[in-house]
Amino acid sequence: MKVLASLFSTVFAQKIATNIKEMMSAINPALEQQAYENYGCVARGFFDPVSKNLGDPVDHVDRAFNKWKNCRRCAKSHFEKTELSLKEYQFDVENKVCLDEVNSAEQSVCMCDFEFAMRLDFVQLDPALADYDESKCSFLKNRSRSMIIPGCCVKASGSFQWYNADVMCCDRSGGLKAIGECL
């Protein structure tokens, strides 16, 4: 009877990811996560969503990190959470679904991480940008960051996307459109 119970629990045990590193391993087990440490000007640290950007993104991977960090910032802001106050989320690896309560901070952060992991699965890493020299990072000089009006748009998936509210708006379905085109 013990063997049967053990077999039953093994067969039906869900593999759960609870953070970005586990999520990355689940989505793409062959991914060498260490190659992303201090990648480009945005992916500073090791999958650190609160690390400060040192400059504009330098490639598609760095832009994916920027979208991910902004998604998590928007989720935390929307639910009035800090990184430390967030609980671990529950991601069902086999079914690729976030199990947390809909419209919760944990579900939104889980979706931010899932969409990011999927995005990284499709972009090519440039080894020359790994452990990137900080002195090569800069922000465009002709762009005034203080003039940007930040906005956060909740997508149908429950994740968020950041946008410049001076030129874009968030429609009811969670899509971004030019100012004046949202209902």
N, C-alpha and C. Protein backbone atom coordinates (compact mmCIF):
# COMPACT_ATOMS: atom_id res chain seq x y z
N MET A 1 0.82 -1.19 0.00
CA MET A 1 0.00 0.00 0.00
C MET A 1 0.86 1.26 0.00
N LYS A 2 1.99 1.24 0.77
CA LYS A 2 2.90 2.39 0.80
C LYS A 2 3.48 2.66 -0.58
N VAL A 3 3.84 1.59 -1.29
CA VAL A 3 4.42 1.74 -2.62
C VAL A 3 3.40 2.37 -3.56
N LEU A 4 2.17 1.93 -3.49
CA LEU A 4 1.11 2.48 -4.33
C LEU A 4 0.88 3.96 -4.02
N ALA A 5 0.86 4.33 -2.77
CA ALA A 5 0.68 5.73 -2.37
C ALA A 5 1.85 6.57 -2.85
N SER A 6 3.05 6.04 -2.74
CA SER A 6 4.24 6.76 -3.19
C SER A 6 4.22 6.95 -4.71
N LEU A 7 3.84 5.90 -5.43
CA LEU A 7 3.75 5.98 -6.88
C LEU A 7 2.69 7.00 -7.29
N PHE A 8 1.54 6.97 -6.62
CA PHE A 8 0.45 7.89 -6.90
C PHE A 8 0.90 9.34 -6.71
N SER A 9 1.59 9.62 -5.60
CA SER A 9 2.02 11.00 -5.33
C SER A 9 3.11 11.43 -6.30
N THR A 10 3.96 10.51 -6.76
CA THR A 10 5.01 10.85 -7.72
C THR A 10 4.40 11.17 -9.08
N VAL A 11 3.44 10.36 -9.52
CA VAL A 11 2.82 10.55 -10.82
C VAL A 11 2.04 11.86 -10.88
N PHE A 12 1.36 12.20 -9.79
CA PHE A 12 0.50 13.37 -9.80
C PHE A 12 1.12 14.62 -9.18
N ALA A 13 2.37 14.55 -8.79
CA ALA A 13 3.03 15.73 -8.21
C ALA A 13 3.26 16.77 -9.31
N GLN A 14 2.87 17.99 -9.04
CA GLN A 14 3.09 19.07 -9.99
C GLN A 14 4.48 19.64 -9.79
N LYS A 15 5.14 19.94 -10.90
CA LYS A 15 6.40 20.66 -10.80
C LYS A 15 6.02 22.13 -10.82
N ILE A 16 6.42 22.85 -9.77
CA ILE A 16 6.05 24.24 -9.59
C ILE A 16 7.30 25.12 -9.60
N ALA A 17 7.24 26.21 -10.36
CA ALA A 17 8.29 27.23 -10.32
C ALA A 17 7.75 28.38 -9.47
N THR A 18 8.61 28.98 -8.64
CA THR A 18 8.15 30.04 -7.74
C THR A 18 8.90 31.35 -7.92
N ASN A 19 9.88 31.39 -8.83
CA ASN A 19 10.66 32.61 -9.06
C ASN A 19 11.23 32.60 -10.47
N ILE A 20 11.84 33.70 -10.87
CA ILE A 20 12.31 33.86 -12.25
C ILE A 20 13.37 32.82 -12.62
N LYS A 21 14.26 32.48 -11.74
CA LYS A 21 15.31 31.51 -12.09
C LYS A 21 14.72 30.12 -12.33
N GLU A 22 13.77 29.72 -11.48
CA GLU A 22 13.09 28.44 -11.69
C GLU A 22 12.25 28.48 -12.97
N MET A 23 11.62 29.62 -13.22
CA MET A 23 10.82 29.79 -14.43
C MET A 23 11.70 29.64 -15.67
N MET A 24 12.86 30.31 -15.67
CA MET A 24 13.77 30.23 -16.81
C MET A 24 14.21 28.79 -17.04
N SER A 25 14.53 28.07 -15.99
CA SER A 25 14.94 26.66 -16.11
C SER A 25 13.81 25.80 -16.66
N ALA A 26 12.59 26.11 -16.28
CA ALA A 26 11.43 25.33 -16.74
C ALA A 26 11.12 25.59 -18.21
N ILE A 27 11.20 26.84 -18.63
CA ILE A 27 10.85 27.20 -20.00
C ILE A 27 11.94 26.77 -20.97
N ASN A 28 13.18 26.97 -20.60
CA ASN A 28 14.29 26.60 -21.48
C ASN A 28 15.41 26.00 -20.65
N PRO A 29 15.35 24.68 -20.39
CA PRO A 29 16.35 24.03 -19.54
C PRO A 29 17.78 24.16 -20.06
N ALA A 30 17.95 24.33 -21.37
CA ALA A 30 19.30 24.42 -21.94
C ALA A 30 19.89 25.82 -21.81
N LEU A 31 19.08 26.78 -21.39
CA LEU A 31 19.53 28.16 -21.27
C LEU A 31 20.61 28.29 -20.21
N GLU A 32 21.71 28.89 -20.56
CA GLU A 32 22.80 29.13 -19.61
C GLU A 32 22.52 30.45 -18.92
N GLN A 33 21.89 30.39 -17.76
CA GLN A 33 21.46 31.60 -17.07
C GLN A 33 22.62 32.51 -16.72
N GLN A 34 23.78 31.96 -16.40
CA GLN A 34 24.93 32.78 -16.01
C GLN A 34 25.36 33.72 -17.13
N ALA A 35 25.08 33.36 -18.39
CA ALA A 35 25.46 34.21 -19.52
C ALA A 35 24.71 35.54 -19.50
N TYR A 36 23.63 35.61 -18.75
CA TYR A 36 22.82 36.83 -18.68
C TYR A 36 23.22 37.75 -17.53
N GLU A 37 24.19 37.35 -16.75
CA GLU A 37 24.61 38.19 -15.63
C GLU A 37 25.33 39.42 -16.16
N ASN A 38 24.86 40.60 -15.74
CA ASN A 38 25.42 41.88 -16.19
C ASN A 38 25.49 41.97 -17.71
N TYR A 39 24.42 41.51 -18.35
CA TYR A 39 24.32 41.52 -19.81
C TYR A 39 23.87 42.91 -20.26
N GLY A 40 24.59 43.50 -21.19
CA GLY A 40 24.21 44.79 -21.73
C GLY A 40 24.14 45.88 -20.67
N CYS A 41 23.27 46.85 -20.90
CA CYS A 41 23.15 47.99 -19.99
C CYS A 41 21.92 47.92 -19.09
N VAL A 42 21.02 46.98 -19.35
CA VAL A 42 19.79 46.87 -18.57
C VAL A 42 19.82 45.65 -17.66
N ALA A 43 20.31 44.55 -18.15
CA ALA A 43 20.29 43.28 -17.39
C ALA A 43 21.44 43.24 -16.40
N ARG A 44 21.43 44.14 -15.46
CA ARG A 44 22.49 44.21 -14.46
C ARG A 44 22.18 43.26 -13.32
N GLY A 45 23.21 42.71 -12.73
CA GLY A 45 23.01 41.72 -11.68
C GLY A 45 22.67 40.38 -12.31
N PHE A 46 21.98 39.54 -11.57
CA PHE A 46 21.62 38.21 -12.05
C PHE A 46 20.11 38.05 -11.96
N PHE A 47 19.41 38.37 -13.05
CA PHE A 47 17.95 38.37 -13.09
C PHE A 47 17.39 39.19 -11.93
N ASP A 48 17.93 40.40 -11.79
CA ASP A 48 17.53 41.30 -10.70
C ASP A 48 16.53 42.32 -11.24
N PRO A 49 15.25 42.19 -10.88
CA PRO A 49 14.24 43.08 -11.45
C PRO A 49 14.31 44.52 -10.93
N VAL A 50 15.08 44.76 -9.88
CA VAL A 50 15.16 46.12 -9.34
C VAL A 50 16.51 46.78 -9.61
N SER A 51 17.37 46.12 -10.37
CA SER A 51 18.67 46.73 -10.67
C SER A 51 18.46 47.97 -11.54
N LYS A 52 19.28 48.97 -11.32
CA LYS A 52 19.18 50.22 -12.06
C LYS A 52 19.75 50.04 -13.46
N ASN A 53 19.03 50.54 -14.46
CA ASN A 53 19.55 50.53 -15.82
C ASN A 53 20.72 51.50 -15.90
N LEU A 54 21.78 51.07 -16.57
CA LEU A 54 22.96 51.92 -16.72
C LEU A 54 22.95 52.69 -18.03
N GLY A 55 22.00 52.38 -18.89
CA GLY A 55 21.89 53.03 -20.19
C GLY A 55 20.73 52.43 -20.96
N ASP A 56 20.60 52.86 -22.20
CA ASP A 56 19.56 52.31 -23.06
C ASP A 56 19.89 50.86 -23.41
N PRO A 57 18.88 50.03 -23.69
CA PRO A 57 19.13 48.65 -24.10
C PRO A 57 20.00 48.60 -25.36
N VAL A 58 20.90 47.62 -25.41
CA VAL A 58 21.85 47.54 -26.52
C VAL A 58 21.46 46.51 -27.59
N ASP A 59 20.51 45.62 -27.29
CA ASP A 59 20.06 44.63 -28.28
C ASP A 59 18.70 44.08 -27.86
N HIS A 60 18.21 43.07 -28.59
CA HIS A 60 16.89 42.48 -28.31
C HIS A 60 16.82 41.85 -26.92
N VAL A 61 17.90 41.22 -26.48
CA VAL A 61 17.92 40.59 -25.16
C VAL A 61 17.80 41.67 -24.09
N ASP A 62 18.58 42.72 -24.22
CA ASP A 62 18.55 43.82 -23.25
C ASP A 62 17.17 44.49 -23.24
N ARG A 63 16.53 44.63 -24.42
CA ARG A 63 15.18 45.19 -24.49
C ARG A 63 14.17 44.27 -23.80
N ALA A 64 14.37 42.95 -23.93
CA ALA A 64 13.49 42.00 -23.24
C ALA A 64 13.61 42.16 -21.73
N PHE A 65 14.85 42.35 -21.25
CA PHE A 65 15.05 42.59 -19.82
C PHE A 65 14.36 43.88 -19.39
N ASN A 66 14.44 44.91 -20.22
CA ASN A 66 13.82 46.19 -19.88
C ASN A 66 12.29 46.05 -19.78
N LYS A 67 11.69 45.34 -20.73
CA LYS A 67 10.24 45.11 -20.69
C LYS A 67 9.86 44.33 -19.43
N TRP A 68 10.68 43.32 -19.10
CA TRP A 68 10.41 42.50 -17.91
C TRP A 68 10.48 43.34 -16.64
N LYS A 69 11.54 44.14 -16.50
CA LYS A 69 11.69 44.96 -15.31
C LYS A 69 10.53 45.96 -15.19
N ASN A 70 10.14 46.56 -16.31
CA ASN A 70 9.02 47.50 -16.30
C ASN A 70 7.71 46.80 -15.97
N CYS A 71 7.52 45.59 -16.48
CA CYS A 71 6.32 44.81 -16.18
C CYS A 71 6.21 44.57 -14.68
N ARG A 72 7.30 44.14 -14.08
CA ARG A 72 7.30 43.86 -12.64
C ARG A 72 7.11 45.15 -11.83
N ARG A 73 7.73 46.25 -12.28
CA ARG A 73 7.54 47.53 -11.58
C ARG A 73 6.07 47.94 -11.61
N CYS A 74 5.46 47.81 -12.78
CA CYS A 74 4.05 48.17 -12.91
C CYS A 74 3.17 47.29 -12.02
N ALA A 75 3.43 46.00 -12.00
CA ALA A 75 2.64 45.07 -11.17
C ALA A 75 2.76 45.45 -9.70
N LYS A 76 3.99 45.69 -9.26
CA LYS A 76 4.20 46.05 -7.85
C LYS A 76 3.51 47.37 -7.52
N SER A 77 3.62 48.33 -8.42
CA SER A 77 3.00 49.64 -8.20
C SER A 77 1.47 49.50 -8.16
N HIS A 78 0.92 48.76 -9.10
CA HIS A 78 -0.54 48.58 -9.18
C HIS A 78 -1.09 47.94 -7.91
N PHE A 79 -0.39 46.96 -7.39
CA PHE A 79 -0.86 46.25 -6.19
C PHE A 79 -0.25 46.79 -4.90
N GLU A 80 0.49 47.92 -5.02
CA GLU A 80 1.12 48.57 -3.87
C GLU A 80 1.97 47.59 -3.06
N LYS A 81 2.86 46.92 -3.76
CA LYS A 81 3.77 45.95 -3.14
C LYS A 81 5.20 46.40 -3.37
N THR A 82 6.10 45.90 -2.52
CA THR A 82 7.53 46.06 -2.75
C THR A 82 8.07 44.69 -3.13
N GLU A 83 9.27 44.66 -3.67
CA GLU A 83 9.88 43.38 -4.04
C GLU A 83 9.93 42.44 -2.84
N LEU A 84 10.26 42.98 -1.68
CA LEU A 84 10.37 42.15 -0.48
C LEU A 84 9.02 41.67 0.05
N SER A 85 7.95 42.41 -0.23
CA SER A 85 6.64 42.01 0.29
C SER A 85 5.91 41.02 -0.63
N LEU A 86 6.46 40.79 -1.82
CA LEU A 86 5.82 39.83 -2.73
C LEU A 86 5.98 38.41 -2.21
N LYS A 87 4.92 37.64 -2.31
CA LYS A 87 5.00 36.21 -1.99
C LYS A 87 5.47 35.48 -3.24
N GLU A 88 5.99 34.27 -3.04
CA GLU A 88 6.36 33.46 -4.20
C GLU A 88 5.10 33.11 -4.98
N TYR A 89 5.22 33.13 -6.30
CA TYR A 89 4.08 32.72 -7.11
C TYR A 89 4.12 31.22 -7.34
N GLN A 90 3.07 30.70 -7.93
CA GLN A 90 2.95 29.27 -8.22
C GLN A 90 2.74 29.10 -9.72
N PHE A 91 3.78 28.62 -10.41
CA PHE A 91 3.71 28.40 -11.85
C PHE A 91 3.76 26.91 -12.13
N ASP A 92 2.72 26.37 -12.75
CA ASP A 92 2.64 24.96 -13.13
C ASP A 92 3.50 24.77 -14.37
N VAL A 93 4.65 24.13 -14.20
CA VAL A 93 5.63 23.97 -15.27
C VAL A 93 5.07 23.15 -16.43
N GLU A 94 4.40 22.05 -16.12
CA GLU A 94 3.91 21.16 -17.17
C GLU A 94 2.85 21.83 -18.05
N ASN A 95 1.91 22.52 -17.42
CA ASN A 95 0.82 23.15 -18.16
C ASN A 95 1.11 24.60 -18.55
N LYS A 96 2.24 25.12 -18.09
CA LYS A 96 2.66 26.49 -18.38
C LYS A 96 1.55 27.50 -18.05
N VAL A 97 1.15 27.47 -16.77
CA VAL A 97 0.09 28.37 -16.32
C VAL A 97 0.39 28.84 -14.90
N CYS A 98 0.08 30.11 -14.64
CA CYS A 98 0.21 30.66 -13.30
C CYS A 98 -1.02 30.26 -12.50
N LEU A 99 -0.79 29.72 -11.31
CA LEU A 99 -1.87 29.17 -10.50
C LEU A 99 -2.41 30.13 -9.46
N ASP A 100 -1.77 31.28 -9.33
CA ASP A 100 -2.18 32.23 -8.29
C ASP A 100 -3.54 32.84 -8.61
N GLU A 101 -4.13 33.44 -7.59
CA GLU A 101 -5.43 34.09 -7.75
C GLU A 101 -5.36 35.14 -8.85
N VAL A 102 -6.36 35.14 -9.72
CA VAL A 102 -6.45 36.13 -10.80
C VAL A 102 -6.53 37.52 -10.17
N ASN A 103 -5.93 38.49 -10.83
CA ASN A 103 -5.89 39.87 -10.35
C ASN A 103 -5.17 40.00 -9.01
N SER A 104 -4.12 39.21 -8.83
CA SER A 104 -3.28 39.34 -7.63
C SER A 104 -1.88 39.76 -8.06
N ALA A 105 -1.14 40.31 -7.14
CA ALA A 105 0.25 40.70 -7.44
C ALA A 105 1.06 39.49 -7.87
N GLU A 106 0.86 38.37 -7.20
CA GLU A 106 1.64 37.17 -7.51
C GLU A 106 1.32 36.66 -8.91
N GLN A 107 0.05 36.68 -9.30
CA GLN A 107 -0.32 36.23 -10.64
C GLN A 107 0.27 37.16 -11.70
N SER A 108 0.23 38.46 -11.44
CA SER A 108 0.78 39.41 -12.40
C SER A 108 2.29 39.26 -12.54
N VAL A 109 3.00 39.12 -11.42
CA VAL A 109 4.45 38.94 -11.48
C VAL A 109 4.78 37.62 -12.16
N CYS A 110 4.01 36.58 -11.89
CA CYS A 110 4.20 35.29 -12.55
C CYS A 110 4.07 35.45 -14.06
N MET A 111 3.06 36.18 -14.50
CA MET A 111 2.86 36.40 -15.94
C MET A 111 3.98 37.25 -16.54
N CYS A 112 4.46 38.24 -15.78
CA CYS A 112 5.61 39.03 -16.25
C CYS A 112 6.80 38.10 -16.49
N ASP A 113 7.06 37.24 -15.52
CA ASP A 113 8.20 36.31 -15.62
C ASP A 113 8.00 35.31 -16.75
N PHE A 114 6.78 34.79 -16.90
CA PHE A 114 6.50 33.81 -17.95
C PHE A 114 6.69 34.43 -19.33
N GLU A 115 6.11 35.60 -19.55
CA GLU A 115 6.24 36.26 -20.86
C GLU A 115 7.70 36.59 -21.16
N PHE A 116 8.43 36.99 -20.13
CA PHE A 116 9.86 37.28 -20.29
C PHE A 116 10.63 36.02 -20.65
N ALA A 117 10.37 34.93 -19.95
CA ALA A 117 11.06 33.66 -20.23
C ALA A 117 10.76 33.19 -21.65
N MET A 118 9.53 33.34 -22.09
CA MET A 118 9.17 32.95 -23.46
C MET A 118 9.88 33.85 -24.47
N ARG A 119 9.95 35.14 -24.18
CA ARG A 119 10.62 36.09 -25.08
C ARG A 119 12.10 35.74 -25.20
N LEU A 120 12.75 35.45 -24.08
CA LEU A 120 14.18 35.11 -24.11
C LEU A 120 14.44 33.81 -24.84
N ASP A 121 13.46 32.94 -24.87
CA ASP A 121 13.60 31.66 -25.56
C ASP A 121 13.72 31.86 -27.07
N PHE A 122 13.30 33.04 -27.57
CA PHE A 122 13.29 33.29 -29.00
C PHE A 122 14.30 34.33 -29.48
N VAL A 123 15.07 34.91 -28.58
CA VAL A 123 16.06 35.91 -29.01
C VAL A 123 17.47 35.36 -28.82
N GLN A 124 18.34 35.75 -29.71
CA GLN A 124 19.71 35.27 -29.72
C GLN A 124 20.59 36.09 -28.78
N LEU A 125 21.26 35.41 -27.89
CA LEU A 125 22.20 36.04 -26.96
C LEU A 125 23.49 36.38 -27.70
N ASP A 126 24.03 37.55 -27.47
CA ASP A 126 25.32 37.95 -28.03
C ASP A 126 26.37 37.81 -26.94
N PRO A 127 27.26 36.81 -27.02
CA PRO A 127 28.25 36.59 -25.96
C PRO A 127 29.12 37.82 -25.67
N ALA A 128 29.28 38.70 -26.65
CA ALA A 128 30.10 39.90 -26.46
C ALA A 128 29.44 40.87 -25.48
N LEU A 129 28.14 40.72 -25.24
CA LEU A 129 27.43 41.63 -24.35
C LEU A 129 27.29 41.08 -22.93
N ALA A 130 27.76 39.85 -22.71
CA ALA A 130 27.74 39.27 -21.37
C ALA A 130 28.85 39.91 -20.55
N ASP A 131 28.57 40.18 -19.29
CA ASP A 131 29.51 40.88 -18.41
C ASP A 131 30.00 42.17 -19.08
N TYR A 132 29.05 42.91 -19.60
CA TYR A 132 29.30 44.10 -20.41
C TYR A 132 29.94 45.22 -19.59
N ASP A 133 30.87 45.91 -20.21
CA ASP A 133 31.59 47.02 -19.57
C ASP A 133 30.62 48.19 -19.34
N GLU A 134 30.41 48.54 -18.08
CA GLU A 134 29.48 49.62 -17.70
C GLU A 134 29.82 50.95 -18.37
N SER A 135 31.09 51.19 -18.62
CA SER A 135 31.50 52.48 -19.19
C SER A 135 30.99 52.67 -20.61
N LYS A 136 30.53 51.60 -21.25
CA LYS A 136 29.99 51.70 -22.61
C LYS A 136 28.49 52.04 -22.60
N CYS A 137 27.90 52.08 -21.43
CA CYS A 137 26.46 52.33 -21.32
C CYS A 137 26.17 53.82 -21.21
N SER A 138 25.11 54.25 -21.91
CA SER A 138 24.67 55.64 -21.80
C SER A 138 23.22 55.75 -22.25
N PHE A 139 22.59 56.83 -21.83
CA PHE A 139 21.24 57.13 -22.28
C PHE A 139 21.35 58.15 -23.40
N LEU A 140 20.41 58.13 -24.33
CA LEU A 140 20.43 59.10 -25.42
C LEU A 140 20.43 60.51 -24.83
N LYS A 141 21.32 61.31 -25.31
CA LYS A 141 21.49 62.66 -24.77
C LYS A 141 20.32 63.58 -25.13
N ASN A 142 19.73 63.39 -26.32
CA ASN A 142 18.69 64.31 -26.78
C ASN A 142 17.30 63.96 -26.24
N ARG A 143 17.22 63.00 -25.35
CA ARG A 143 15.93 62.60 -24.80
C ARG A 143 15.87 63.01 -23.33
N SER A 144 14.88 63.75 -22.98
CA SER A 144 14.73 64.18 -21.59
C SER A 144 13.86 63.17 -20.85
N ARG A 145 14.47 62.42 -19.94
CA ARG A 145 13.75 61.40 -19.20
C ARG A 145 12.73 62.04 -18.25
N SER A 146 12.98 63.26 -17.81
CA SER A 146 12.06 63.90 -16.88
C SER A 146 10.75 64.30 -17.56
N MET A 147 10.74 64.36 -18.88
CA MET A 147 9.55 64.77 -19.62
C MET A 147 8.61 63.60 -19.91
N ILE A 148 9.05 62.37 -19.67
CA ILE A 148 8.22 61.20 -19.95
C ILE A 148 7.16 61.05 -18.86
N ILE A 149 5.93 60.85 -19.29
CA ILE A 149 4.84 60.60 -18.35
C ILE A 149 4.61 59.09 -18.34
N PRO A 150 5.00 58.41 -17.26
CA PRO A 150 4.90 56.95 -17.25
C PRO A 150 3.46 56.47 -17.07
N GLY A 151 3.17 55.36 -17.73
CA GLY A 151 1.88 54.71 -17.57
C GLY A 151 2.07 53.21 -17.52
N CYS A 152 1.16 52.52 -16.89
CA CYS A 152 1.20 51.06 -16.82
C CYS A 152 -0.14 50.54 -17.31
N CYS A 153 -0.09 49.61 -18.23
CA CYS A 153 -1.30 49.06 -18.83
C CYS A 153 -1.39 47.58 -18.48
N VAL A 154 -2.49 47.17 -17.86
CA VAL A 154 -2.66 45.76 -17.55
C VAL A 154 -3.18 45.05 -18.80
N LYS A 155 -2.46 43.99 -19.20
CA LYS A 155 -2.84 43.23 -20.38
C LYS A 155 -3.86 42.16 -20.01
N ALA A 156 -4.49 41.59 -21.00
CA ALA A 156 -5.49 40.54 -20.77
C ALA A 156 -4.90 39.36 -20.00
N SER A 157 -3.61 39.11 -20.18
CA SER A 157 -2.94 37.99 -19.51
C SER A 157 -2.77 38.23 -18.01
N GLY A 158 -2.88 39.50 -17.60
CA GLY A 158 -2.65 39.85 -16.19
C GLY A 158 -1.29 40.47 -15.96
N SER A 159 -0.42 40.41 -16.98
CA SER A 159 0.87 41.09 -16.85
C SER A 159 0.67 42.56 -17.23
N PHE A 160 1.73 43.32 -17.14
CA PHE A 160 1.65 44.75 -17.41
C PHE A 160 2.66 45.15 -18.48
N GLN A 161 2.36 46.26 -19.13
CA GLN A 161 3.35 46.88 -20.00
C GLN A 161 3.42 48.36 -19.68
N TRP A 162 4.65 48.84 -19.63
CA TRP A 162 4.90 50.25 -19.35
C TRP A 162 4.79 51.01 -20.66
N TYR A 163 4.34 52.25 -20.59
CA TYR A 163 4.27 53.08 -21.79
C TYR A 163 4.42 54.55 -21.43
N ASN A 164 4.74 55.36 -22.41
CA ASN A 164 4.83 56.80 -22.26
C ASN A 164 3.42 57.36 -22.48
N ALA A 165 2.77 57.78 -21.40
CA ALA A 165 1.39 58.24 -21.45
C ALA A 165 1.23 59.57 -22.18
N ASP A 166 2.34 60.20 -22.54
CA ASP A 166 2.28 61.44 -23.30
C ASP A 166 1.97 61.17 -24.77
N VAL A 167 2.27 59.94 -25.24
CA VAL A 167 2.07 59.63 -26.65
C VAL A 167 1.20 58.39 -26.89
N MET A 168 0.96 57.61 -25.84
CA MET A 168 0.19 56.37 -25.97
C MET A 168 -0.94 56.36 -24.93
N CYS A 169 -1.90 55.46 -25.15
CA CYS A 169 -2.95 55.23 -24.17
C CYS A 169 -3.22 53.73 -24.10
N CYS A 170 -3.83 53.31 -23.02
CA CYS A 170 -4.13 51.90 -22.78
C CYS A 170 -5.62 51.69 -23.03
N ASP A 171 -5.96 50.81 -23.99
CA ASP A 171 -7.39 50.58 -24.24
C ASP A 171 -7.95 49.54 -23.27
N ARG A 172 -9.24 49.33 -23.32
CA ARG A 172 -9.91 48.43 -22.37
C ARG A 172 -9.40 47.00 -22.43
N SER A 173 -8.88 46.58 -23.58
CA SER A 173 -8.41 45.20 -23.71
C SER A 173 -6.95 45.05 -23.28
N GLY A 174 -6.32 46.13 -22.84
CA GLY A 174 -4.94 46.06 -22.40
C GLY A 174 -3.93 46.30 -23.50
N GLY A 175 -4.39 46.81 -24.62
CA GLY A 175 -3.49 47.12 -25.73
C GLY A 175 -3.10 48.59 -25.72
N LEU A 176 -1.95 48.88 -26.27
CA LEU A 176 -1.49 50.27 -26.37
C LEU A 176 -1.83 50.83 -27.74
N LYS A 177 -2.28 52.06 -27.74
CA LYS A 177 -2.62 52.75 -28.98
C LYS A 177 -2.14 54.19 -28.88
N ALA A 178 -2.15 54.87 -30.01
CA ALA A 178 -1.79 56.28 -30.02
C ALA A 178 -2.83 57.07 -29.24
N ILE A 179 -2.39 58.17 -28.65
CA ILE A 179 -3.29 59.05 -27.89
C ILE A 179 -4.51 59.37 -28.76
N GLY A 180 -5.69 59.29 -28.15
CA GLY A 180 -6.93 59.60 -28.86
C GLY A 180 -7.60 58.40 -29.48
N GLU A 181 -6.91 57.26 -29.56
CA GLU A 181 -7.50 56.06 -30.18
C GLU A 181 -8.07 55.08 -29.16
N CYS A 182 -7.90 55.34 -27.88
CA CYS A 182 -8.43 54.45 -26.85
C CYS A 182 -9.83 54.89 -26.46
N LEU A 183 -10.66 53.92 -26.19
CA LEU A 183 -12.03 54.23 -25.76
C LEU A 183 -12.12 54.23 -24.26
